Amino acid sequence: MFWTDEIFRTDVRRNSVGLVLLVCGFGTGDADEMERTYGRLVEEAREAACETEPHVSVRLALTSDRIIERLYRESGIRVPDVRSAMEDILGGKFAGEIEEIRILTAQAVGGREFKKLEAIADSYRSKVRISLDSPLLAGPKIERLADILVDEAASFKEEAIVYVGHGTHGRDPCGSASYQKLQKLIRGRGNGNIFIGELQTGIGPVIRELSEKAFRRIRLCSLMMVSGHHWIEDVAGDIGDSWKNTLTQAGYKVTCVRTSLLERKEVREILIRDIKAV
């Protein structure tokens, strides 16, 4: 087994496997957060896949070696990296029966981590049919997310809602373009109180937008797949130049909402929505 907790175990209850659904994301070093994010996504993906595909195995793999090592060191949870998971799938008990590996991407944008996942998938295409889902902020998924955020904002018309994403390493323009597209879609739906920001580009652009509006109260919300230390320290921290402190010092009353994207059932439903069409 690659992991010890039941919620993360590979589905070995079937006598044959034709399709493997491999859920892939960056991960989180917090075992409890792992359970309520990736764990729930894996279970819900399994339920959705089993409705139409009788021979399916649903597995989890992470792209961050650092997170994988931390999880095992601190919690005894062993989750494979993507390449190890692929090798196990193609060389395991049902190797000769595998017809397709579908990679369900639990990533927000098509930055460095997604490109790494894409490269690994490409390296196995000569051995098995592989399909790779798009990140959340791409294709039809970003449209669905925009709808969800706009609908929710209707209950907070007197507040500005600032969503903060990780951004991408090195300020990858692909990542920034995804956040900008989400903002554009939201404005196109007639919403004026949602503001999209990212840690990599800083709070400056958001502050400038807010200064042109009359809002004095702000809901600071997570646009991260998991709200780990970046949220705790860089966004909602009580010391230093966190987003919360910066906005408070600018005269705003700030409420922090830590709930991550993967903790939200409606977002997990976006990620697994197309599974039944496989």
Protein backbone atom coordinates (compact mmCIF):
# COMPACT_ATOMS: atom_id res chain seq x y z
CA MET A 1 0.00 0.00 0.00
CA PHE A 2 1.13 3.55 -0.71
CA TRP A 3 -0.67 5.00 2.28
CA THR A 4 -2.00 3.84 5.61
CA ASP A 5 -5.24 5.78 6.09
CA GLU A 6 -8.32 4.03 4.66
CA ILE A 7 -9.55 7.15 2.89
CA PHE A 8 -6.39 7.26 0.76
CA ARG A 9 -6.16 3.58 -0.13
CA THR A 10 -6.12 2.38 -3.69
CA ASP A 11 -9.37 0.71 -4.69
CA VAL A 12 -8.48 -2.99 -4.65
CA ARG A 13 -12.00 -4.32 -4.17
CA ARG A 14 -12.45 -5.26 -7.83
CA ASN A 15 -11.34 -8.39 -9.66
CA SER A 16 -10.36 -6.47 -12.81
CA VAL A 17 -9.55 -2.88 -13.76
CA GLY A 18 -9.96 -1.26 -17.18
CA LEU A 19 -9.77 2.41 -16.22
CA VAL A 20 -7.54 4.04 -13.64
CA LEU A 21 -8.54 7.49 -12.45
CA LEU A 22 -5.45 9.15 -11.01
CA VAL A 23 -6.18 12.22 -8.88
CA CYS A 24 -3.11 14.50 -8.92
CA GLY A 25 -2.40 17.65 -6.96
CA PHE A 26 0.36 19.51 -5.15
CA GLY A 27 -0.76 18.23 -1.74
CA THR A 28 -0.59 19.52 1.82
CA GLY A 29 1.60 18.48 4.72
CA ASP A 30 -1.29 18.67 7.19
CA ALA A 31 -2.87 15.21 7.58
CA ASP A 32 -6.26 16.58 8.68
CA GLU A 33 -6.37 19.00 5.79
CA MET A 34 -5.31 16.17 3.48
CA GLU A 35 -8.33 14.18 4.57
CA ARG A 36 -10.89 16.96 4.12
CA THR A 37 -9.53 18.01 0.72
CA TYR A 38 -7.82 15.35 -1.39
CA GLY A 39 -9.37 12.54 0.64
CA ARG A 40 -12.88 13.75 -0.04
CA LEU A 41 -12.08 14.39 -3.68
CA VAL A 42 -10.81 10.82 -4.12
CA GLU A 43 -13.90 9.32 -2.49
CA GLU A 44 -16.32 11.46 -4.50
CA ALA A 45 -14.42 10.75 -7.71
CA ARG A 46 -14.67 7.03 -6.99
CA GLU A 47 -18.42 7.28 -6.41
CA ALA A 48 -18.92 9.20 -9.66
CA ALA A 49 -16.73 6.89 -11.74
CA CYS A 50 -18.31 3.70 -10.41
CA GLU A 51 -21.76 4.79 -11.58
CA THR A 52 -20.83 4.20 -15.22
CA GLU A 53 -17.53 2.30 -15.23
CA PRO A 54 -17.69 -1.14 -13.53
CA HIS A 55 -13.94 -1.73 -13.63
CA VAL A 56 -12.25 1.37 -12.28
CA SER A 57 -9.54 2.05 -9.74
CA VAL A 58 -9.20 5.52 -8.23
CA ARG A 59 -5.81 6.53 -6.88
CA LEU A 60 -4.06 9.60 -5.54
CA ALA A 61 -0.63 10.98 -6.40
CA LEU A 62 1.10 14.25 -5.47
CA THR A 63 3.46 16.44 -7.45
CA SER A 64 5.39 17.88 -4.48
CA ASP A 65 8.24 15.71 -3.19
CA ARG A 66 8.55 17.99 -0.17
CA ILE A 67 4.91 17.44 0.79
CA ILE A 68 5.19 13.68 0.23
CA GLU A 69 8.19 13.49 2.56
CA ARG A 70 6.54 15.64 5.22
CA LEU A 71 3.33 13.60 5.20
CA TYR A 72 5.23 10.37 5.71
CA ARG A 73 7.62 11.80 8.30
CA GLU A 74 4.97 13.50 10.43
CA SER A 75 1.85 11.37 9.89
CA GLY A 76 2.94 8.03 8.45
CA ILE A 77 0.83 8.65 5.34
CA ARG A 78 2.64 7.48 2.22
CA VAL A 79 1.29 8.97 -0.99
CA PRO A 80 3.23 8.35 -4.21
CA ASP A 81 4.60 10.93 -6.58
CA VAL A 82 3.03 10.86 -10.03
CA ARG A 83 5.75 8.85 -11.77
CA SER A 84 5.79 6.21 -9.02
CA ALA A 85 2.02 5.92 -9.24
CA MET A 86 2.20 5.46 -13.01
CA GLU A 87 4.85 2.75 -12.67
CA ASP A 88 2.77 0.94 -10.06
CA ILE A 89 -0.34 1.10 -12.25
CA LEU A 90 1.41 -0.25 -15.33
CA GLY A 91 3.40 -2.89 -13.48
CA GLY A 92 0.86 -3.97 -10.89
CA LYS A 93 -1.65 -6.77 -10.54
CA PHE A 94 -3.95 -5.52 -13.31
CA ALA A 95 -1.22 -4.20 -15.63
CA GLY A 96 -2.33 -6.16 -18.67
CA GLU A 97 -5.93 -5.06 -18.27
CA ILE A 98 -5.37 -1.29 -18.02
CA GLU A 99 -6.99 0.37 -21.03
CA GLU A 100 -6.78 4.01 -19.95
CA ILE A 101 -5.34 6.22 -17.27
CA ARG A 102 -7.28 9.41 -16.78
CA ILE A 103 -5.54 12.11 -14.76
CA LEU A 104 -7.92 14.28 -12.76
CA THR A 105 -6.02 17.52 -12.18
CA ALA A 106 -6.53 18.97 -8.70
CA GLN A 107 -4.56 22.12 -9.52
CA ALA A 108 -5.74 25.68 -9.92
CA VAL A 109 -3.68 26.92 -12.89
CA GLY A 110 -1.51 25.60 -15.68
CA GLY A 111 1.78 26.68 -14.11
CA ARG A 112 4.97 24.80 -13.31
CA GLU A 113 3.32 21.98 -11.36
CA PHE A 114 0.80 21.33 -14.13
CA LYS A 115 3.51 21.41 -16.79
CA LYS A 116 5.45 18.84 -14.78
CA LEU A 117 2.34 16.66 -14.62
CA GLU A 118 1.79 17.11 -18.35
CA ALA A 119 5.36 16.05 -19.13
CA ILE A 120 5.04 12.88 -17.06
CA ALA A 121 1.75 12.01 -18.75
CA ASP A 122 3.32 12.50 -22.18
CA SER A 123 6.18 10.16 -21.32
CA TYR A 124 3.73 7.25 -20.84
CA ARG A 125 1.50 7.77 -23.88
CA SER A 126 3.36 5.10 -25.85
CA LYS A 127 2.39 2.52 -23.22
CA VAL A 128 -1.24 3.30 -22.46
CA ARG A 129 -4.03 5.66 -23.46
CA ILE A 130 -3.81 8.73 -21.22
CA SER A 131 -6.14 11.69 -20.84
CA LEU A 132 -5.26 14.74 -18.76
CA ASP A 133 -7.96 17.05 -17.41
CA SER A 134 -7.40 20.79 -17.42
CA PRO A 135 -6.71 22.79 -14.24
CA LEU A 136 -9.61 24.46 -12.43
CA LEU A 137 -9.01 27.91 -13.93
CA ALA A 138 -9.24 26.75 -17.54
CA GLY A 139 -11.84 25.66 -20.08
CA PRO A 140 -15.45 25.16 -18.94
CA LYS A 141 -14.30 24.75 -15.34
CA ILE A 142 -13.38 28.40 -14.91
CA GLU A 143 -16.81 29.41 -16.24
CA ARG A 144 -18.50 27.19 -13.64
CA LEU A 145 -16.31 28.58 -10.86
CA ALA A 146 -17.14 32.15 -11.89
CA ASP A 147 -20.85 31.31 -11.68
CA ILE A 148 -20.43 29.89 -8.17
CA LEU A 149 -18.47 32.87 -6.86
CA VAL A 150 -20.90 35.40 -8.34
CA ASP A 151 -23.93 33.58 -6.91
CA GLU A 152 -22.37 33.53 -3.45
CA ALA A 153 -21.43 37.20 -3.58
CA ALA A 154 -25.10 38.16 -3.80
CA SER A 155 -25.32 37.67 -0.03
CA PHE A 156 -22.50 40.15 0.66
CA LYS A 157 -23.37 43.18 -1.43
CA GLU A 158 -22.07 45.65 1.17
CA GLU A 159 -18.67 43.96 1.39
CA ALA A 160 -15.76 43.54 -0.97
CA ILE A 161 -14.82 39.89 -1.38
CA VAL A 162 -11.10 39.46 -2.03
CA TYR A 163 -10.09 35.99 -3.22
CA VAL A 164 -6.39 35.20 -2.87
CA GLY A 165 -4.73 32.50 -4.96
CA HIS A 166 -1.19 31.16 -4.71
CA GLY A 167 -0.14 32.37 -8.09
CA THR A 168 2.64 30.46 -9.86
CA HIS A 169 6.35 30.20 -9.16
CA GLY A 170 8.43 32.79 -10.95
CA ARG A 171 5.28 34.76 -11.73
CA ASP A 172 4.53 32.49 -14.66
CA PRO A 173 2.40 34.61 -17.04
CA CYS A 174 0.21 31.58 -17.70
CA GLY A 175 -0.87 31.58 -14.05
CA SER A 176 -1.50 35.31 -13.87
CA ALA A 177 -3.52 35.15 -17.08
CA SER A 178 -5.79 32.53 -15.49
CA TYR A 179 -6.56 34.75 -12.49
CA GLN A 180 -7.13 37.73 -14.77
CA LYS A 181 -9.52 35.68 -16.88
CA LEU A 182 -11.50 34.70 -13.79
CA GLN A 183 -11.75 38.37 -12.79
CA LYS A 184 -12.92 39.28 -16.29
CA LEU A 185 -15.57 36.55 -16.28
CA ILE A 186 -16.83 37.73 -12.91
CA ARG A 187 -17.09 41.35 -14.10
CA GLY A 188 -18.82 40.12 -17.25
CA ARG A 189 -21.50 38.61 -15.04
CA GLY A 190 -22.27 42.03 -13.62
CA ASN A 191 -20.47 41.59 -10.31
CA GLY A 192 -18.55 44.54 -8.86
CA ASN A 193 -17.60 43.39 -5.35
CA ILE A 194 -15.34 40.39 -6.08
CA PHE A 195 -11.62 41.05 -6.47
CA ILE A 196 -9.11 38.38 -7.51
CA GLY A 197 -5.53 38.54 -6.24
CA GLU A 198 -2.51 36.26 -6.08
CA LEU A 199 0.38 36.03 -3.66
CA GLN A 200 3.03 36.02 -6.36
CA THR A 201 2.05 39.45 -7.71
CA GLY A 202 1.28 40.88 -4.28
CA ILE A 203 -1.56 42.88 -2.82
CA GLY A 204 -0.76 46.12 -4.67
CA PRO A 205 -3.10 45.65 -7.65
CA VAL A 206 -5.99 44.73 -5.35
CA ILE A 207 -5.39 47.74 -3.10
CA ARG A 208 -5.47 50.01 -6.12
CA GLU A 209 -8.77 48.57 -7.30
CA LEU A 210 -10.31 48.80 -3.85
CA SER A 211 -9.25 52.45 -3.50
CA GLU A 212 -11.58 53.30 -6.37
CA LYS A 213 -14.56 51.77 -4.59
CA ALA A 214 -16.57 52.72 -1.51
CA PHE A 215 -16.24 49.40 0.36
CA ARG A 216 -15.01 49.58 3.95
CA ARG A 217 -15.54 45.94 4.89
CA ILE A 218 -13.66 43.09 3.27
CA ARG A 219 -14.10 39.33 3.27
CA LEU A 220 -10.67 37.84 2.63
CA CYS A 221 -11.24 34.39 1.08
CA SER A 222 -9.06 31.57 -0.18
CA LEU A 223 -8.69 30.83 -3.89
CA MET A 224 -6.14 28.14 -3.05
CA MET A 225 -6.70 24.41 -3.54
CA VAL A 226 -5.55 23.98 0.08
CA SER A 227 -5.17 26.80 2.60
CA GLY A 228 -1.90 25.89 4.29
CA HIS A 229 0.93 27.98 5.66
CA HIS A 230 0.70 30.55 2.86
CA TRP A 231 -2.83 31.32 3.96
CA ILE A 232 -2.03 31.24 7.67
CA GLU A 233 1.06 33.45 7.42
CA ASP A 234 0.96 35.46 4.20
CA VAL A 235 -2.76 36.11 3.92
CA ALA A 236 -4.40 35.94 7.34
CA GLY A 237 -1.36 36.39 9.59
CA ASP A 238 -1.54 38.79 12.54
CA ILE A 239 2.01 40.06 12.15
CA GLY A 240 4.14 41.51 9.38
CA ASP A 241 2.89 42.53 5.95
CA SER A 242 0.18 39.91 5.57
CA TRP A 243 -2.79 40.79 3.37
CA LYS A 244 -4.99 41.04 6.46
CA ASN A 245 -2.63 43.48 8.18
CA THR A 246 -2.10 45.54 5.05
CA LEU A 247 -5.84 45.92 4.48
CA THR A 248 -6.49 46.64 8.15
CA GLN A 249 -3.83 49.35 8.16
CA ALA A 250 -5.48 50.83 5.08
CA GLY A 251 -8.64 51.32 7.14
CA TYR A 252 -10.69 48.29 6.17
CA LYS A 253 -12.51 45.97 8.54
CA VAL A 254 -11.34 42.51 7.50
CA THR A 255 -12.94 39.11 7.99
CA CYS A 256 -10.84 36.08 7.01
CA VAL A 257 -12.47 32.95 5.56
CA ARG A 258 -9.90 30.16 5.35
CA THR A 259 -12.04 27.52 3.57
CA SER A 260 -9.99 26.23 0.64
CA LEU A 261 -11.27 25.36 -2.82
CA LEU A 262 -10.95 21.61 -2.26
CA GLU A 263 -12.91 21.88 0.99
CA ARG A 264 -15.87 23.16 -0.99
CA LYS A 265 -18.14 20.43 -2.33
CA GLU A 266 -19.32 22.56 -5.22
CA VAL A 267 -15.71 23.01 -6.38
CA ARG A 268 -14.98 19.29 -6.05
CA GLU A 269 -18.08 18.71 -8.18
CA ILE A 270 -16.58 20.93 -10.90
CA LEU A 271 -13.45 18.77 -10.93
CA ILE A 272 -15.31 15.47 -11.17
CA ARG A 273 -18.28 16.62 -13.22
CA ASP A 274 -17.08 15.10 -16.49
CA ILE A 275 -16.03 11.73 -15.07
CA LYS A 276 -19.33 10.11 -16.00
CA ALA A 277 -18.73 11.01 -19.62
CA VAL A 278 -15.60 8.86 -19.78
